[in-house]
PDB file of N, CA and C in Angstrom:
ATOM      1  N   ASN A   1      18.757  -0.390   2.598  1.00  0.00           N
ATOM      2  CA  ASN A   1      17.751  -0.623   1.590  1.00  0.00           C
ATOM      3  C   ASN A   1      16.380  -0.751   2.228  1.00  0.00           C
ATOM      4  N   TYR A   2      15.384  -0.312   1.476  1.00  0.00           N
ATOM      5  CA  TYR A   2      14.006  -0.366   1.951  1.00  0.00           C
ATOM      6  C   TYR A   2      13.307  -1.607   1.412  1.00  0.00           C
ATOM      7  N   ASP A   3      12.360  -2.107   2.193  1.00  0.00           N
ATOM      8  CA  ASP A   3      11.558  -3.253   1.774  1.00  0.00           C
ATOM      9  C   ASP A   3      10.400  -2.737   0.920  1.00  0.00           C
ATOM     10  N   THR A   4      10.392  -3.113  -0.344  1.00  0.00           N
ATOM     11  CA  THR A   4       9.382  -2.600  -1.271  1.00  0.00           C
ATOM     12  C   THR A   4       8.389  -3.664  -1.712  1.00  0.00           C
ATOM     13  N   ARG A   5       8.182  -4.688  -0.906  1.00  0.00           N
ATOM     14  CA  ARG A   5       7.238  -5.743  -1.278  1.00  0.00           C
ATOM     15  C   ARG A   5       5.805  -5.244  -1.374  1.00  0.00           C
ATOM     16  N   PHE A   6       5.503  -4.142  -0.709  1.00  0.00           N
ATOM     17  CA  PHE A   6       4.140  -3.620  -0.722  1.00  0.00           C
ATOM     18  C   PHE A   6       3.740  -3.054  -2.089  1.00  0.00           C
ATOM     19  N   VAL A   7       4.710  -2.720  -2.921  1.00  0.00           N
ATOM     20  CA  VAL A   7       4.427  -2.082  -4.211  1.00  0.00           C
ATOM     21  C   VAL A   7       3.593  -2.985  -5.123  1.00  0.00           C
ATOM     22  N   ASP A   8       3.783  -4.290  -5.047  1.00  0.00           N
ATOM     23  CA  ASP A   8       3.040  -5.218  -5.899  1.00  0.00           C
ATOM     24  C   ASP A   8       1.538  -5.194  -5.637  1.00  0.00           C
ATOM     25  N   ALA A   9       1.124  -4.772  -4.461  1.00  0.00           N
ATOM     26  CA  ALA A   9      -0.297  -4.736  -4.116  1.00  0.00           C
ATOM     27  C   ALA A   9      -0.918  -3.348  -4.291  1.00  0.00           C
ATOM     28  N   MET A  10      -0.130  -2.345  -4.637  1.00  0.00           N
ATOM     29  CA  MET A  10      -0.628  -0.980  -4.722  1.00  0.00           C
ATOM     30  C   MET A  10      -1.699  -0.746  -5.797  1.00  0.00           C
ATOM     31  N   PRO A  11      -1.706  -1.473  -6.928  1.00  0.00           N
ATOM     32  CA  PRO A  11      -2.809  -1.247  -7.881  1.00  0.00           C
ATOM     33  C   PRO A  11      -4.195  -1.458  -7.248  1.00  0.00           C
ATOM     34  N   THR A  12      -4.295  -2.392  -6.337  1.00  0.00           N
ATOM     35  CA  THR A  12      -5.567  -2.609  -5.640  1.00  0.00           C
ATOM     36  C   THR A  12      -5.925  -1.383  -4.805  1.00  0.00           C
ATOM     37  N   ALA A  13      -4.943  -0.835  -4.100  1.00  0.00           N
ATOM     38  CA  ALA A  13      -5.187   0.332  -3.249  1.00  0.00           C
ATOM     39  C   ALA A  13      -5.558   1.554  -4.068  1.00  0.00           C
ATOM     40  N   ILE A  14      -4.943   1.711  -5.223  1.00  0.00           N
ATOM     41  CA  ILE A  14      -5.221   2.874  -6.061  1.00  0.00           C
ATOM     42  C   ILE A  14      -6.606   2.766  -6.701  1.00  0.00           C
ATOM     43  N   MET A  15      -7.011   1.576  -7.072  1.00  0.00           N
ATOM     44  CA  MET A  15      -8.293   1.379  -7.745  1.00  0.00           C
ATOM     45  C   MET A  15      -9.487   1.448  -6.783  1.00  0.00           C
ATOM     46  N   LYS A  16      -9.288   1.085  -5.532  1.00  0.00           N
ATOM     47  CA  LYS A  16     -10.401   0.939  -4.589  1.00  0.00           C
ATOM     48  C   LYS A  16     -11.267   2.182  -4.424  1.00  0.00           C
ATOM     49  N   PRO A  17     -10.737   3.409  -4.330  1.00  0.00           N
ATOM     50  CA  PRO A  17     -11.638   4.567  -4.191  1.00  0.00           C
ATOM     51  C   PRO A  17     -12.558   4.780  -5.383  1.00  0.00           C
ATOM     52  N   PHE A  18     -12.204   4.240  -6.538  1.00  0.00           N
ATOM     53  CA  PHE A  18     -12.998   4.444  -7.746  1.00  0.00           C
ATOM     54  C   PHE A  18     -13.989   3.317  -7.998  1.00  0.00           C
ATOM     55  N   SER A  19     -13.560   2.065  -7.803  1.00  0.00           N
ATOM     56  CA  SER A  19     -14.407   0.936  -8.166  1.00  0.00           C
ATOM     57  C   SER A  19     -14.099  -0.266  -7.288  1.00  0.00           C
ATOM     58  N   GLY A  20     -15.102  -0.772  -6.619  1.00  0.00           N
ATOM     59  CA  GLY A  20     -14.929  -1.959  -5.787  1.00  0.00           C
ATOM     60  C   GLY A  20     -14.681  -3.206  -6.612  1.00  0.00           C
ATOM     61  N   SER A  21     -15.409  -3.352  -7.715  1.00  0.00           N
ATOM     62  CA  SER A  21     -15.209  -4.534  -8.559  1.00  0.00           C
ATOM     63  C   SER A  21     -13.886  -4.455  -9.313  1.00  0.00           C
ATOM     64  N   GLY A  22     -13.476  -3.261  -9.708  1.00  0.00           N
ATOM     65  CA  GLY A  22     -12.161  -3.104 -10.342  1.00  0.00           C
ATOM     66  C   GLY A  22     -11.037  -3.429  -9.374  1.00  0.00           C
ATOM     67  N   ALA A  23     -11.185  -3.007  -8.127  1.00  0.00           N
ATOM     68  CA  ALA A  23     -10.183  -3.318  -7.115  1.00  0.00           C
ATOM     69  C   ALA A  23     -10.139  -4.816  -6.827  1.00  0.00           C
ATOM     70  N   ARG A  24     -11.305  -5.453  -6.858  1.00  0.00           N
ATOM     71  CA  ARG A  24     -11.338  -6.913  -6.667  1.00  0.00           C
ATOM     72  C   ARG A  24     -10.611  -7.619  -7.803  1.00  0.00           C
ATOM     73  N   ALA A  25     -10.806  -7.147  -9.022  1.00  0.00           N
ATOM     74  CA  ALA A  25     -10.091  -7.725 -10.162  1.00  0.00           C
ATOM     75  C   ALA A  25      -8.586  -7.532 -10.017  1.00  0.00           C
ATOM     76  N   MET A  26      -8.170  -6.368  -9.540  1.00  0.00           N
ATOM     77  CA  MET A  26      -6.741  -6.115  -9.313  1.00  0.00           C
ATOM     78  C   MET A  26      -6.199  -7.040  -8.224  1.00  0.00           C
ATOM     79  N   MET A  27      -6.993  -7.248  -7.174  1.00  0.00           N
ATOM     80  CA  MET A  27      -6.576  -8.144  -6.101  1.00  0.00           C
ATOM     81  C   MET A  27      -6.404  -9.565  -6.627  1.00  0.00           C
ATOM     82  N   LEU A  28      -7.375 -10.040  -7.413  1.00  0.00           N
ATOM     83  CA  LEU A  28      -7.283 -11.392  -7.960  1.00  0.00           C
ATOM     84  C   LEU A  28      -6.088 -11.528  -8.904  1.00  0.00           C
ATOM     85  N   GLU A  29      -5.800 -10.493  -9.674  1.00  0.00           N
ATOM     86  CA  GLU A  29      -4.625 -10.518 -10.554  1.00  0.00           C
ATOM     87  C   GLU A  29      -3.337 -10.585  -9.736  1.00  0.00           C
ATOM     88  N   THR A  30      -3.283  -9.827  -8.650  1.00  0.00           N
ATOM     89  CA  THR A  30      -2.114  -9.879  -7.760  1.00  0.00           C
ATOM     90  C   THR A  30      -1.959 -11.273  -7.170  1.00  0.00           C
ATOM     91  N   MET A  31      -3.075 -11.876  -6.747  1.00  0.00           N
ATOM     92  CA  MET A  31      -3.022 -13.220  -6.173  1.00  0.00           C
ATOM     93  C   MET A  31      -2.660 -14.268  -7.215  1.00  0.00           C
ATOM     94  N   ASN A  32      -3.138 -14.101  -8.434  1.00  0.00           N
ATOM     95  CA  ASN A  32      -2.767 -15.043  -9.505  1.00  0.00           C
ATOM     96  C   ASN A  32      -1.282 -14.946  -9.850  1.00  0.00           C
ATOM     97  N   GLN A  33      -0.762 -13.736  -9.827  1.00  0.00           N
ATOM     98  CA  GLN A  33       0.632 -13.537 -10.215  1.00  0.00           C
ATOM     99  C   GLN A  33       1.612 -13.877  -9.100  1.00  0.00           C
ATOM    100  N   HIS A  34       1.287 -13.521  -7.855  1.00  0.00           N
ATOM    101  CA  HIS A  34       2.235 -13.686  -6.749  1.00  0.00           C
ATOM    102  C   HIS A  34       1.872 -14.811  -5.789  1.00  0.00           C
ATOM    103  N   GLY A  35       0.640 -15.277  -5.848  1.00  0.00           N
ATOM    104  CA  GLY A  35       0.198 -16.318  -4.931  1.00  0.00           C
ATOM    105  C   GLY A  35      -0.699 -15.758  -3.846  1.00  0.00           C
ATOM    106  N   VAL A  36      -1.622 -16.593  -3.408  1.00  0.00           N
ATOM    107  CA  VAL A  36      -2.583 -16.165  -2.393  1.00  0.00           C
ATOM    108  C   VAL A  36      -1.904 -15.910  -1.051  1.00  0.00           C
ATOM    109  N   ASP A  37      -0.946 -16.741  -0.703  1.00  0.00           N
ATOM    110  CA  ASP A  37      -0.268 -16.603   0.584  1.00  0.00           C
ATOM    111  C   ASP A  37       0.975 -15.733   0.522  1.00  0.00           C
ATOM    112  N   SER A  38       1.178 -15.033  -0.580  1.00  0.00           N
ATOM    113  CA  SER A  38       2.324 -14.135  -0.692  1.00  0.00           C
ATOM    114  C   SER A  38       2.042 -12.855   0.094  1.00  0.00           C
ATOM    115  N   PHE A  39       3.091 -12.104   0.334  1.00  0.00           N
ATOM    116  CA  PHE A  39       2.927 -10.826   1.028  1.00  0.00           C
ATOM    117  C   PHE A  39       2.013  -9.902   0.232  1.00  0.00           C
ATOM    118  N   ALA A  40       2.229  -9.825  -1.079  1.00  0.00           N
ATOM    119  CA  ALA A  40       1.408  -8.952  -1.927  1.00  0.00           C
ATOM    120  C   ALA A  40      -0.050  -9.401  -1.945  1.00  0.00           C
ATOM    121  N   GLY A  41      -0.292 -10.708  -1.986  1.00  0.00           N
ATOM    122  CA  GLY A  41      -1.657 -11.218  -1.980  1.00  0.00           C
ATOM    123  C   GLY A  41      -2.382 -10.902  -0.685  1.00  0.00           C
ATOM    124  N   ARG A  42      -1.701 -11.083   0.408  1.00  0.00           N
ATOM    125  CA  ARG A  42      -2.313 -10.772   1.703  1.00  0.00           C
ATOM    126  C   ARG A  42      -2.565  -9.278   1.857  1.00  0.00           C
ATOM    127  N   LEU A  43      -1.600  -8.469   1.392  1.00  0.00           N
ATOM    128  CA  LEU A  43      -1.757  -7.023   1.502  1.00  0.00           C
ATOM    129  C   LEU A  43      -2.890  -6.528   0.603  1.00  0.00           C
ATOM    130  N   ALA A  44      -3.023  -7.082  -0.583  1.00  0.00           N
ATOM    131  CA  ALA A  44      -4.131  -6.703  -1.467  1.00  0.00           C
ATOM    132  C   ALA A  44      -5.466  -7.025  -0.813  1.00  0.00           C
ATOM    133  N   ALA A  45      -5.552  -8.152  -0.139  1.00  0.00           N
ATOM    134  CA  ALA A  45      -6.782  -8.509   0.577  1.00  0.00           C
ATOM    135  C   ALA A  45      -7.044  -7.540   1.726  1.00  0.00           C
ATOM    136  N   MET A  46      -5.991  -7.117   2.399  1.00  0.00           N
ATOM    137  CA  MET A  46      -6.152  -6.145   3.483  1.00  0.00           C
ATOM    138  C   MET A  46      -6.599  -4.788   2.938  1.00  0.00           C
ATOM    139  N   PHE A  47      -6.109  -4.409   1.769  1.00  0.00           N
ATOM    140  CA  PHE A  47      -6.564  -3.160   1.150  1.00  0.00           C
ATOM    141  C   PHE A  47      -8.057  -3.200   0.869  1.00  0.00           C
ATOM    142  N   GLN A  48      -8.552  -4.352   0.457  1.00  0.00           N
ATOM    143  CA  GLN A  48      -9.975  -4.493   0.168  1.00  0.00           C
ATOM    144  C   GLN A  48     -10.820  -4.198   1.406  1.00  0.00           C
ATOM    145  N   GLY A  49     -10.332  -4.598   2.563  1.00  0.00           N
ATOM    146  CA  GLY A  49     -11.101  -4.412   3.786  1.00  0.00           C
ATOM    147  C   GLY A  49     -10.852  -3.111   4.510  1.00  0.00           C
ATOM    148  N   SER A  50      -9.770  -2.418   4.189  1.00  0.00           N
ATOM    149  CA  SER A  50      -9.419  -1.230   4.965  1.00  0.00           C
ATOM    150  C   SER A  50      -9.682   0.077   4.229  1.00  0.00           C
ATOM    151  N   THR A  51     -10.180   0.006   3.004  1.00  0.00           N
ATOM    152  CA  THR A  51     -10.497   1.228   2.266  1.00  0.00           C
ATOM    153  C   THR A  51     -11.935   1.161   1.760  1.00  0.00           C
ATOM    154  N   GLU A  52     -12.403   2.277   1.237  1.00  0.00           N
ATOM    155  CA  GLU A  52     -13.795   2.389   0.809  1.00  0.00           C
ATOM    156  C   GLU A  52     -13.853   2.876  -0.630  1.00  0.00           C
ATOM    157  N   THR A  53     -14.945   2.569  -1.304  1.00  0.00           N
ATOM    158  CA  THR A  53     -15.166   3.077  -2.663  1.00  0.00           C
ATOM    159  C   THR A  53     -15.712   4.496  -2.535  1.00  0.00           C
ATOM    160  N   THR A  54     -14.818   5.434  -2.267  1.00  0.00           N
ATOM    161  CA  THR A  54     -15.172   6.799  -1.900  1.00  0.00           C
ATOM    162  C   THR A  54     -16.055   7.486  -2.934  1.00  0.00           C
ATOM    163  N   PHE A  55     -15.673   7.433  -4.196  1.00  0.00           N
ATOM    164  CA  PHE A  55     -16.431   8.149  -5.211  1.00  0.00           C
ATOM    165  C   PHE A  55     -17.807   7.519  -5.448  1.00  0.00           C
ATOM    166  N   TYR A  56     -17.918   6.220  -5.282  1.00  0.00           N
ATOM    167  CA  TYR A  56     -19.221   5.552  -5.374  1.00  0.00           C
ATOM    168  C   TYR A  56     -20.131   6.025  -4.241  1.00  0.00           C
ATOM    169  N   VAL A  57     -19.594   6.082  -3.050  1.00  0.00           N
ATOM    170  CA  VAL A  57     -20.377   6.530  -1.897  1.00  0.00           C
ATOM    171  C   VAL A  57     -20.855   7.964  -2.104  1.00  0.00           C
ATOM    172  N   ILE A  58     -19.954   8.824  -2.561  1.00  0.00           N
ATOM    173  CA  ILE A  58     -20.327  10.225  -2.801  1.00  0.00           C
ATOM    174  C   ILE A  58     -21.428  10.309  -3.862  1.00  0.00           C
ATOM    175  N   ALA A  59     -21.248   9.596  -4.966  1.00  0.00           N
ATOM    176  CA  ALA A  59     -22.199   9.688  -6.072  1.00  0.00           C
ATOM    177  C   ALA A  59     -23.557   9.085  -5.718  1.00  0.00           C
ATOM    178  N   VAL A  60     -23.564   7.886  -5.183  1.00  0.00           N
ATOM    179  CA  VAL A  60     -24.822   7.179  -4.974  1.00  0.00           C
ATOM    180  C   VAL A  60     -25.513   7.588  -3.680  1.00  0.00           C
ATOM    181  N   TYR A  61     -24.810   7.509  -2.581  1.00  0.00           N
ATOM    182  CA  TYR A  61     -25.471   7.771  -1.301  1.00  0.00           C
ATOM    183  C   TYR A  61     -25.822   9.243  -1.123  1.00  0.00           C
ATOM    184  N   PHE A  62     -24.904  10.126  -1.463  1.00  0.00           N
ATOM    185  CA  PHE A  62     -25.214  11.545  -1.328  1.00  0.00           C
ATOM    186  C   PHE A  62     -26.314  11.937  -2.313  1.00  0.00           C
ATOM    187  N   GLY A  63     -26.260  11.357  -3.535  1.00  0.00           N
ATOM    188  CA  GLY A  63     -27.280  11.653  -4.532  1.00  0.00           C
ATOM    189  C   GLY A  63     -28.655  11.154  -4.139  1.00  0.00           C
ATOM    190  N   SER A  64     -28.720  10.038  -3.444  1.00  0.00           N
ATOM    191  CA  SER A  64     -30.019   9.463  -3.084  1.00  0.00           C
ATOM    192  C   SER A  64     -30.768  10.292  -2.044  1.00  0.00           C
ATOM    193  N   VAL A  65     -30.048  11.054  -1.260  1.00  0.00           N
ATOM    194  CA  VAL A  65     -30.711  11.899  -0.262  1.00  0.00           C
ATOM    195  C   VAL A  65     -30.701  13.369  -0.664  1.00  0.00           C
ATOM    196  N   GLY A  66     -30.227  13.649  -1.888  1.00  0.00           N
ATOM    197  CA  GLY A  66     -30.318  14.999  -2.431  1.00  0.00           C
ATOM    198  C   GLY A  66     -29.235  15.968  -2.016  1.00  0.00           C
ATOM    199  N   ILE A  67     -28.101  15.487  -1.543  1.00  0.00           N
ATOM    200  CA  ILE A  67     -27.004  16.379  -1.184  1.00  0.00           C
ATOM    201  C   ILE A  67     -26.278  16.770  -2.464  1.00  0.00           C
ATOM    202  N   LYS A  68     -26.248  18.071  -2.764  1.00  0.00           N
ATOM    203  CA  LYS A  68     -25.621  18.539  -3.996  1.00  0.00           C
ATOM    204  C   LYS A  68     -24.191  19.021  -3.775  1.00  0.00           C
ATOM    205  N   TYR A  69     -23.921  19.557  -2.621  1.00  0.00           N
ATOM    206  CA  TYR A  69     -22.606  20.114  -2.340  1.00  0.00           C
ATOM    207  C   TYR A  69     -21.902  19.229  -1.322  1.00  0.00           C
ATOM    208  N   THR A  70     -20.895  18.520  -1.781  1.00  0.00           N
ATOM    209  CA  THR A  70     -20.228  17.553  -0.906  1.00  0.00           C
ATOM    210  C   THR A  70     -19.206  18.212   0.008  1.00  0.00           C
ATOM    211  N   ARG A  71     -18.868  19.433  -0.256  1.00  0.00           N
ATOM    212  CA  ARG A  71     -17.943  20.234   0.530  1.00  0.00           C
ATOM    213  C   ARG A  71     -16.646  19.501   0.803  1.00  0.00           C
ATOM    214  N   HIS A  72     -16.426  19.047   2.012  1.00  0.00           N
ATOM    215  CA  HIS A  72     -15.158  18.403   2.365  1.00  0.00           C
ATOM    216  C   HIS A  72     -15.247  16.881   2.387  1.00  0.00           C
ATOM    217  N   ALA A  73     -16.348  16.329   1.969  1.00  0.00           N
ATOM    218  CA  ALA A  73     -16.545  14.875   2.070  1.00  0.00           C
ATOM    219  C   ALA A  73     -15.545  14.098   1.211  1.00  0.00           C
ATOM    220  N   ILE A  74     -15.263  14.570   0.015  1.00  0.00           N
ATOM    221  CA  ILE A  74     -14.312  13.861  -0.861  1.00  0.00           C
ATOM    222  C   ILE A  74     -12.924  13.884  -0.254  1.00  0.00           C
ATOM    223  N   GLY A  75     -12.490  15.035   0.220  1.00  0.00           N
ATOM    224  CA  GLY A  75     -11.169  15.140   0.844  1.00  0.00           C
ATOM    225  C   GLY A  75     -11.049  14.270   2.079  1.00  0.00           C
ATOM    226  N   CYS A  76     -12.071  14.281   2.909  1.00  0.00           N
ATOM    227  CA  CYS A  76     -12.060  13.448   4.121  1.00  0.00           C
ATOM    228  C   CYS A  76     -12.094  11.968   3.777  1.00  0.00           C
ATOM    229  N   GLY A  77     -12.885  11.606   2.758  1.00  0.00           N
ATOM    230  CA  GLY A  77     -12.948  10.202   2.338  1.00  0.00           C
ATOM    231  C   GLY A  77     -11.620   9.717   1.792  1.00  0.00           C
ATOM    232  N   LEU A  78     -10.970  10.523   0.967  1.00  0.00           N
ATOM    233  CA  LEU A  78      -9.663  10.133   0.425  1.00  0.00           C
ATOM    234  C   LEU A  78      -8.590  10.100   1.507  1.00  0.00           C
ATOM    235  N   PHE A  79      -8.691  11.022   2.470  1.00  0.00           N
ATOM    236  CA  PHE A  79      -7.754  10.991   3.598  1.00  0.00           C
ATOM    237  C   PHE A  79      -7.939   9.706   4.407  1.00  0.00           C
ATOM    238  N   ALA A  80      -9.181   9.293   4.606  1.00  0.00           N
ATOM    239  CA  ALA A  80      -9.451   8.035   5.319  1.00  0.00           C
ATOM    240  C   ALA A  80      -8.921   6.845   4.524  1.00  0.00           C
ATOM    241  N   ASP A  81      -9.024   6.897   3.189  1.00  0.00           N
ATOM    242  CA  ASP A  81      -8.466   5.829   2.354  1.00  0.00           C
ATOM    243  C   ASP A  81      -6.954   5.745   2.507  1.00  0.00           C
ATOM    244  N   VAL A  82      -6.282   6.893   2.504  1.00  0.00           N
ATOM    245  CA  VAL A  82      -4.820   6.907   2.676  1.00  0.00           C
ATOM    246  C   VAL A  82      -4.450   6.374   4.063  1.00  0.00           C
ATOM    247  N   ALA A  83      -5.222   6.745   5.067  1.00  0.00           N
ATOM    248  CA  ALA A  83      -4.968   6.219   6.420  1.00  0.00           C
ATOM    249  C   ALA A  83      -5.156   4.702   6.449  1.00  0.00           C
ATOM    250  N   GLY A  84      -6.189   4.204   5.777  1.00  0.00           N
ATOM    251  CA  GLY A  84      -6.413   2.755   5.707  1.00  0.00           C
ATOM    252  C   GLY A  84      -5.299   2.041   4.973  1.00  0.00           C
ATOM    253  N   ILE A  85      -4.810   2.638   3.889  1.00  0.00           N
ATOM    254  CA  ILE A  85      -3.718   2.037   3.121  1.00  0.00           C
ATOM    255  C   ILE A  85      -2.450   1.963   3.962  1.00  0.00           C
ATOM    256  N   CYS A  86      -2.105   3.066   4.613  1.00  0.00           N
ATOM    257  CA  CYS A  86      -0.894   3.081   5.454  1.00  0.00           C
ATOM    258  C   CYS A  86      -1.006   2.099   6.610  1.00  0.00           C
ATOM    259  N   THR A  87      -2.171   2.028   7.213  1.00  0.00           N
ATOM    260  CA  THR A  87      -2.377   1.092   8.315  1.00  0.00           C
ATOM    261  C   THR A  87      -2.304  -0.353   7.835  1.00  0.00           C
ATOM    262  N   ALA A  88      -2.890  -0.644   6.670  1.00  0.00           N
ATOM    263  CA  ALA A  88      -2.828  -2.001   6.123  1.00  0.00           C
ATOM    264  C   ALA A  88      -1.388  -2.415   5.840  1.00  0.00           C
ATOM    265  N   ILE A  89      -0.599  -1.509   5.284  1.00  0.00           N
ATOM    266  CA  ILE A  89       0.815  -1.813   5.023  1.00  0.00           C
ATOM    267  C   ILE A  89       1.539  -2.095   6.333  1.00  0.00           C
ATOM    268  N   THR A  90       1.318  -1.257   7.330  1.00  0.00           N
ATOM    269  CA  THR A  90       1.977  -1.429   8.626  1.00  0.00           C
ATOM    270  C   THR A  90       1.588  -2.754   9.277  1.00  0.00           C
ATOM    271  N   VAL A  91       0.294  -3.045   9.293  1.00  0.00           N
ATOM    272  CA  VAL A  91      -0.183  -4.285   9.923  1.00  0.00           C
ATOM    273  C   VAL A  91       0.308  -5.511   9.163  1.00  0.00           C
ATOM    274  N   CYS A  92       0.351  -5.424   7.837  1.00  0.00           N
ATOM    275  CA  CYS A  92       0.814  -6.557   7.038  1.00  0.00           C
ATOM    276  C   CYS A  92       2.298  -6.846   7.310  1.00  0.00           C
ATOM    277  N   TYR A  93       3.118  -5.799   7.395  1.00  0.00           N
ATOM    278  CA  TYR A  93       4.526  -6.012   7.766  1.00  0.00           C
ATOM    279  C   TYR A  93       4.639  -6.546   9.185  1.00  0.00           C
ATOM    280  N   TRP A  94       3.778  -6.067  10.071  1.00  0.00           N
ATOM    281  CA  TRP A  94       3.825  -6.488  11.467  1.00  0.00           C
ATOM    282  C   TRP A  94       3.473  -7.970  11.587  1.00  0.00           C
ATOM    283  N   PHE A  95       2.420  -8.420  10.912  1.00  0.00           N
ATOM    284  CA  PHE A  95       1.984  -9.809  11.018  1.00  0.00           C
ATOM    285  C   PHE A  95       2.766 -10.777  10.129  1.00  0.00           C
ATOM    286  N   TYR A  96       3.096 -10.335   8.921  1.00  0.00           N
ATOM    287  CA  TYR A  96       3.681 -11.264   7.942  1.00  0.00           C
ATOM    288  C   TYR A  96       5.132 -10.964   7.600  1.00  0.00           C
ATOM    289  N   GLY A  97       5.699  -9.959   8.252  1.00  0.00           N
ATOM    290  CA  GLY A  97       7.121  -9.633   8.113  1.00  0.00           C
ATOM    291  C   GLY A  97       7.554  -9.404   6.749  1.00  0.00           C
TER     292      GLY A  97
END
């Protein structure tokens, strides 16, 4: 059998590329439901620090300097988010078992 404790924190990871405040709300909901010191609560907090609000960065920062064609930036940003999510899961299992 596989350990699926990480699934409870995944809404935070899924929301983070779209909205930082939405991801924070998801994290707080996870902590309210499972506890701050729970595996899911700790992992949700790690997701907050290991991923980026990719679409916000593309829209605001690229728009402010006049970049119209993002080319591969969205794909690279989402790939970095997936790498951060996988690393956060691995580190959370490593530290908190």
